[in-house]
Amino acid sequence: MCVEIKVKELSSFFKKSVGLILSKNNEPIYFETRFGIHTFFMRKSIDVVVMDENFIVRVLKIGLKPWKIFVWNPMYYKVLELPENFTEKKSIKLGCEIKILV
């Protein structure tokens, strides 16, 4: 199964740290990190998809609430932060292959 997702790619340390916090339209974002994420200062819950080097979904966190820290096995480093319920709408599940459209 393959799901295509149009994303905004983040590359700087600052942009990765901020993630969806400053996003007005809550668009899907993609970045790489092995250290986990936080939802400090977020107004809404988000969905988080963590993928391996082949863009296969290895970790899903649906409805990660504001003011939380989320960590995973550091062997996976490709991350999508998505608006809440995005994974359900796109039928994203563990083992699903994601095609990133930048």
C-alpha atoms as a PDB file:
ATOM      1  CA  MET A   1       0.000   0.000   0.000  1.00  0.00           C
ATOM      2  CA  CYS A   2       1.299   3.458  -0.827  1.00  0.00           C
ATOM      3  CA  VAL A   3      -0.074   6.794   0.327  1.00  0.00           C
ATOM      4  CA  GLU A   4       1.023  10.062  -1.264  1.00  0.00           C
ATOM      5  CA  ILE A   5       1.229  13.115   0.979  1.00  0.00           C
ATOM      6  CA  LYS A   6       2.074  16.658  -0.118  1.00  0.00           C
ATOM      7  CA  VAL A   7       4.238  18.185   2.611  1.00  0.00           C
ATOM      8  CA  LYS A   8       6.341  21.160   3.546  1.00  0.00           C
ATOM      9  CA  GLU A   9       9.884  19.974   4.255  1.00  0.00           C
ATOM     10  CA  LEU A  10      11.748  21.467   7.231  1.00  0.00           C
ATOM     11  CA  SER A  11      15.527  21.463   7.254  1.00  0.00           C
ATOM     12  CA  SER A  12      16.816  24.042   9.744  1.00  0.00           C
ATOM     13  CA  PHE A  13      17.124  23.296  13.453  1.00  0.00           C
ATOM     14  CA  PHE A  14      14.814  26.203  14.296  1.00  0.00           C
ATOM     15  CA  LYS A  15      12.092  25.121  11.868  1.00  0.00           C
ATOM     16  CA  LYS A  16      12.286  21.523  13.119  1.00  0.00           C
ATOM     17  CA  SER A  17      12.010  22.726  16.723  1.00  0.00           C
ATOM     18  CA  VAL A  18       8.954  24.816  15.929  1.00  0.00           C
ATOM     19  CA  GLY A  19       7.246  22.289  13.624  1.00  0.00           C
ATOM     20  CA  LEU A  20       3.511  22.949  13.378  1.00  0.00           C
ATOM     21  CA  ILE A  21       3.455  25.473  16.247  1.00  0.00           C
ATOM     22  CA  LEU A  22       3.572  28.505  13.950  1.00  0.00           C
ATOM     23  CA  SER A  23       1.682  26.922  11.061  1.00  0.00           C
ATOM     24  CA  LYS A  24      -1.520  28.821  10.378  1.00  0.00           C
ATOM     25  CA  ASN A  25      -3.079  26.246   8.055  1.00  0.00           C
ATOM     26  CA  ASN A  26      -1.750  23.188   9.906  1.00  0.00           C
ATOM     27  CA  GLU A  27      -0.289  21.641   6.750  1.00  0.00           C
ATOM     28  CA  PRO A  28       1.577  18.315   6.820  1.00  0.00           C
ATOM     29  CA  ILE A  29       5.291  18.767   7.471  1.00  0.00           C
ATOM     30  CA  TYR A  30       8.247  16.426   6.980  1.00  0.00           C
ATOM     31  CA  PHE A  31      11.626  16.513   8.703  1.00  0.00           C
ATOM     32  CA  GLU A  32      14.345  14.195   9.955  1.00  0.00           C
ATOM     33  CA  THR A  33      15.269  13.746  13.605  1.00  0.00           C
ATOM     34  CA  ARG A  34      16.217  10.879  15.895  1.00  0.00           C
ATOM     35  CA  PHE A  35      15.502  12.728  19.123  1.00  0.00           C
ATOM     36  CA  GLY A  36      11.707  12.824  19.364  1.00  0.00           C
ATOM     37  CA  ILE A  37       9.353  15.785  19.225  1.00  0.00           C
ATOM     38  CA  HIS A  38       7.399  18.024  21.559  1.00  0.00           C
ATOM     39  CA  THR A  39       4.013  19.693  21.315  1.00  0.00           C
ATOM     40  CA  PHE A  40       4.732  22.606  23.651  1.00  0.00           C
ATOM     41  CA  PHE A  41       2.685  25.695  22.712  1.00  0.00           C
ATOM     42  CA  MET A  42       0.517  23.726  20.266  1.00  0.00           C
ATOM     43  CA  ARG A  43      -3.169  24.618  20.245  1.00  0.00           C
ATOM     44  CA  LYS A  44      -4.436  21.349  18.779  1.00  0.00           C
ATOM     45  CA  SER A  45      -3.520  17.683  18.861  1.00  0.00           C
ATOM     46  CA  ILE A  46      -1.543  16.273  15.927  1.00  0.00           C
ATOM     47  CA  ASP A  47      -0.880  12.908  14.334  1.00  0.00           C
ATOM     48  CA  VAL A  48       2.749  11.794  14.103  1.00  0.00           C
ATOM     49  CA  VAL A  49       4.118   9.251  11.628  1.00  0.00           C
ATOM     50  CA  VAL A  50       7.665   7.931  12.063  1.00  0.00           C
ATOM     51  CA  MET A  51       9.181   6.057   9.113  1.00  0.00           C
ATOM     52  CA  ASP A  52      12.272   4.028   8.352  1.00  0.00           C
ATOM     53  CA  GLU A  53      14.811   4.853   5.622  1.00  0.00           C
ATOM     54  CA  ASN A  54      12.449   3.381   2.990  1.00  0.00           C
ATOM     55  CA  PHE A  55       9.501   5.540   4.110  1.00  0.00           C
ATOM     56  CA  ILE A  56       7.695   2.575   5.664  1.00  0.00           C
ATOM     57  CA  VAL A  57       5.570   3.578   8.678  1.00  0.00           C
ATOM     58  CA  ARG A  58       7.116   2.102  11.840  1.00  0.00           C
ATOM     59  CA  VAL A  59       5.517   4.260  14.571  1.00  0.00           C
ATOM     60  CA  LEU A  60       2.129   6.009  14.676  1.00  0.00           C
ATOM     61  CA  LYS A  61       0.926   8.418  17.327  1.00  0.00           C
ATOM     62  CA  ILE A  62      -2.623   9.531  16.715  1.00  0.00           C
ATOM     63  CA  GLY A  63      -3.959  12.569  18.556  1.00  0.00           C
ATOM     64  CA  LEU A  64      -0.747  13.637  20.332  1.00  0.00           C
ATOM     65  CA  LYS A  65      -2.027  16.316  22.689  1.00  0.00           C
ATOM     66  CA  PRO A  66      -0.438  19.728  23.326  1.00  0.00           C
ATOM     67  CA  TRP A  67       2.288  19.990  25.987  1.00  0.00           C
ATOM     68  CA  LYS A  68       3.626  16.451  25.479  1.00  0.00           C
ATOM     69  CA  ILE A  69       6.964  14.897  24.560  1.00  0.00           C
ATOM     70  CA  PHE A  70       7.015  11.936  22.165  1.00  0.00           C
ATOM     71  CA  VAL A  71      10.093   9.738  21.626  1.00  0.00           C
ATOM     72  CA  TRP A  72      10.652   6.552  19.613  1.00  0.00           C
ATOM     73  CA  ASN A  73      13.441   4.157  18.692  1.00  0.00           C
ATOM     74  CA  PRO A  74      16.218   6.401  17.270  1.00  0.00           C
ATOM     75  CA  MET A  75      16.867   3.988  14.413  1.00  0.00           C
ATOM     76  CA  TYR A  76      13.865   5.661  12.727  1.00  0.00           C
ATOM     77  CA  TYR A  77      14.338   9.294  11.797  1.00  0.00           C
ATOM     78  CA  LYS A  78      11.913  10.324   9.047  1.00  0.00           C
ATOM     79  CA  VAL A  79       8.966  12.154  10.627  1.00  0.00           C
ATOM     80  CA  LEU A  80       5.626  13.527   9.486  1.00  0.00           C
ATOM     81  CA  GLU A  81       3.641  15.888  11.685  1.00  0.00           C
ATOM     82  CA  LEU A  82       0.078  15.913  10.445  1.00  0.00           C
ATOM     83  CA  PRO A  83      -3.161  17.638  11.396  1.00  0.00           C
ATOM     84  CA  GLU A  84      -5.237  15.547  13.812  1.00  0.00           C
ATOM     85  CA  ASN A  85      -7.272  12.771  12.115  1.00  0.00           C
ATOM     86  CA  PHE A  86      -5.150  13.019   8.943  1.00  0.00           C
ATOM     87  CA  THR A  87      -3.914   9.431   9.363  1.00  0.00           C
ATOM     88  CA  GLU A  88      -7.482   8.165   9.574  1.00  0.00           C
ATOM     89  CA  LYS A  89      -8.606  10.136   6.508  1.00  0.00           C
ATOM     90  CA  LYS A  90      -5.675   8.806   4.448  1.00  0.00           C
ATOM     91  CA  SER A  91      -5.861   5.275   5.956  1.00  0.00           C
ATOM     92  CA  ILE A  92      -2.247   5.405   7.143  1.00  0.00           C
ATOM     93  CA  LYS A  93      -1.327   2.325   9.148  1.00  0.00           C
ATOM     94  CA  LEU A  94       1.817   0.579  10.419  1.00  0.00           C
ATOM     95  CA  GLY A  95       3.713  -0.969   7.494  1.00  0.00           C
ATOM     96  CA  CYS A  96       2.236   1.468   4.983  1.00  0.00           C
ATOM     97  CA  GLU A  97       4.655   3.011   2.483  1.00  0.00           C
ATOM     98  CA  ILE A  98       4.501   6.809   2.273  1.00  0.00           C
ATOM     99  CA  LYS A  99       5.410   8.767  -0.832  1.00  0.00           C
ATOM    100  CA  ILE A 100       6.426  12.306   0.100  1.00  0.00           C
ATOM    101  CA  LEU A 101       5.561  15.052  -2.397  1.00  0.00           C
ATOM    102  CA  VAL A 102       7.437  18.283  -1.662  1.00  0.00           C
END
